């Protein structure tokens, strides 16, 4: 997977915690940040899914059938 360099600034206490956790787990700080972000993104995926479900139930978001989508896009599909 391609890597991208990012420059970030952290509060001192958070930077200290990051260093301590990385040393304790015998991982690099980069690895700890990547793991933390993966966990956070998985967590927020659930929150977003719940919001979409609520919006559908409230009627503020409409769900279209595949037939409706294909028709709107002008795709002839029998399935």
C-alpha atoms as a PDB file:
ATOM      1  CA  UNK A   1       0.000   0.000   0.000  1.00  0.00           C
ATOM      2  CA  UNK A   2       1.272   3.468  -0.867  1.00  0.00           C
ATOM      3  CA  UNK A   3       2.314   5.617   2.071  1.00  0.00           C
ATOM      4  CA  UNK A   4       1.845   9.371   2.367  1.00  0.00           C
ATOM      5  CA  UNK A   5       3.856  11.644   4.601  1.00  0.00           C
ATOM      6  CA  UNK A   6       1.786  13.840   6.971  1.00  0.00           C
ATOM      7  CA  UNK A   7       3.047  16.450   9.368  1.00  0.00           C
ATOM      8  CA  UNK A   8       0.921  16.736  12.513  1.00  0.00           C
ATOM      9  CA  UNK A   9       1.121  18.771  15.691  1.00  0.00           C
ATOM     10  CA  UNK A  10       0.043  17.250  19.017  1.00  0.00           C
ATOM     11  CA  UNK A  11      -0.486  18.638  22.487  1.00  0.00           C
ATOM     12  CA  UNK A  12       2.510  17.802  24.672  1.00  0.00           C
ATOM     13  CA  UNK A  13       0.562  15.450  26.949  1.00  0.00           C
ATOM     14  CA  UNK A  14      -0.791  13.522  23.963  1.00  0.00           C
ATOM     15  CA  UNK A  15       2.680  13.291  22.436  1.00  0.00           C
ATOM     16  CA  UNK A  16       4.007  11.960  25.750  1.00  0.00           C
ATOM     17  CA  UNK A  17       1.210   9.369  25.905  1.00  0.00           C
ATOM     18  CA  UNK A  18       1.925   8.315  22.324  1.00  0.00           C
ATOM     19  CA  UNK A  19       5.604   7.823  23.102  1.00  0.00           C
ATOM     20  CA  UNK A  20       4.831   5.846  26.255  1.00  0.00           C
ATOM     21  CA  UNK A  21       2.278   3.583  24.544  1.00  0.00           C
ATOM     22  CA  UNK A  22       4.589   2.955  21.591  1.00  0.00           C
ATOM     23  CA  UNK A  23       7.450   1.963  23.896  1.00  0.00           C
ATOM     24  CA  UNK A  24       5.168  -0.214  26.032  1.00  0.00           C
ATOM     25  CA  UNK A  25       3.842  -2.076  22.975  1.00  0.00           C
ATOM     26  CA  UNK A  26       7.270  -2.218  21.303  1.00  0.00           C
ATOM     27  CA  UNK A  27       5.810  -0.464  18.262  1.00  0.00           C
ATOM     28  CA  UNK A  28       6.707   2.687  16.431  1.00  0.00           C
ATOM     29  CA  UNK A  29       4.680   5.814  17.070  1.00  0.00           C
ATOM     30  CA  UNK A  30       3.525   5.610  13.459  1.00  0.00           C
ATOM     31  CA  UNK A  31       2.196   2.082  14.048  1.00  0.00           C
ATOM     32  CA  UNK A  32       0.306   3.207  17.162  1.00  0.00           C
ATOM     33  CA  UNK A  33      -1.246   6.152  15.294  1.00  0.00           C
ATOM     34  CA  UNK A  34      -2.251   3.896  12.381  1.00  0.00           C
ATOM     35  CA  UNK A  35      -3.838   1.356  14.738  1.00  0.00           C
ATOM     36  CA  UNK A  36      -5.654   4.117  16.624  1.00  0.00           C
ATOM     37  CA  UNK A  37      -6.995   5.653  13.416  1.00  0.00           C
ATOM     38  CA  UNK A  38      -8.107   2.247  12.084  1.00  0.00           C
ATOM     39  CA  UNK A  39      -9.975   1.624  15.341  1.00  0.00           C
ATOM     40  CA  UNK A  40     -11.520   5.101  15.302  1.00  0.00           C
ATOM     41  CA  UNK A  41     -12.636   4.823  11.673  1.00  0.00           C
ATOM     42  CA  UNK A  42     -14.225   1.411  12.365  1.00  0.00           C
ATOM     43  CA  UNK A  43     -16.036   2.973  15.331  1.00  0.00           C
ATOM     44  CA  UNK A  44     -17.272   5.966  13.335  1.00  0.00           C
ATOM     45  CA  UNK A  45     -18.449   3.662  10.511  1.00  0.00           C
ATOM     46  CA  UNK A  46     -20.946   2.246  13.012  1.00  0.00           C
ATOM     47  CA  UNK A  47     -22.074   5.706  14.067  1.00  0.00           C
ATOM     48  CA  UNK A  48     -22.559   6.756  10.440  1.00  0.00           C
ATOM     49  CA  UNK A  49     -24.481   3.556   9.664  1.00  0.00           C
ATOM     50  CA  UNK A  50     -26.778   4.205  12.643  1.00  0.00           C
ATOM     51  CA  UNK A  51     -27.393   7.786  11.475  1.00  0.00           C
ATOM     52  CA  UNK A  52     -28.241   6.620   7.954  1.00  0.00           C
ATOM     53  CA  UNK A  53     -30.625   4.008   9.368  1.00  0.00           C
ATOM     54  CA  UNK A  54     -32.315   6.661  11.527  1.00  0.00           C
ATOM     55  CA  UNK A  55     -32.588   9.041   8.552  1.00  0.00           C
ATOM     56  CA  UNK A  56     -34.208   6.322   6.454  1.00  0.00           C
ATOM     57  CA  UNK A  57     -36.683   5.510   9.248  1.00  0.00           C
ATOM     58  CA  UNK A  58     -37.530   9.231   9.673  1.00  0.00           C
ATOM     59  CA  UNK A  59     -37.986   9.604   5.940  1.00  0.00           C
ATOM     60  CA  UNK A  60     -35.269  12.226   5.583  1.00  0.00           C
ATOM     61  CA  UNK A  61     -33.280   9.869   3.339  1.00  0.00           C
ATOM     62  CA  UNK A  62     -34.791   7.820   0.542  1.00  0.00           C
ATOM     63  CA  UNK A  63     -33.621   4.392  -0.528  1.00  0.00           C
ATOM     64  CA  UNK A  64     -33.989   3.542  -4.201  1.00  0.00           C
ATOM     65  CA  UNK A  65     -34.308   0.071  -5.656  1.00  0.00           C
ATOM     66  CA  UNK A  66     -31.722  -1.049  -8.178  1.00  0.00           C
ATOM     67  CA  UNK A  67     -34.408  -0.953 -10.887  1.00  0.00           C
ATOM     68  CA  UNK A  68     -35.104   2.723 -10.092  1.00  0.00           C
ATOM     69  CA  UNK A  69     -31.397   3.556 -10.237  1.00  0.00           C
ATOM     70  CA  UNK A  70     -30.813   1.694 -13.509  1.00  0.00           C
ATOM     71  CA  UNK A  71     -33.850   3.349 -15.070  1.00  0.00           C
ATOM     72  CA  UNK A  72     -32.740   6.823 -13.948  1.00  0.00           C
ATOM     73  CA  UNK A  73     -29.267   6.187 -15.376  1.00  0.00           C
ATOM     74  CA  UNK A  74     -30.681   4.831 -18.610  1.00  0.00           C
ATOM     75  CA  UNK A  75     -29.206   1.381 -18.090  1.00  0.00           C
ATOM     76  CA  UNK A  76     -31.174  -1.480 -19.590  1.00  0.00           C
ATOM     77  CA  UNK A  77     -30.827  -4.332 -17.120  1.00  0.00           C
ATOM     78  CA  UNK A  78     -32.922  -7.448 -16.674  1.00  0.00           C
ATOM     79  CA  UNK A  79     -32.167  -9.217 -13.469  1.00  0.00           C
END
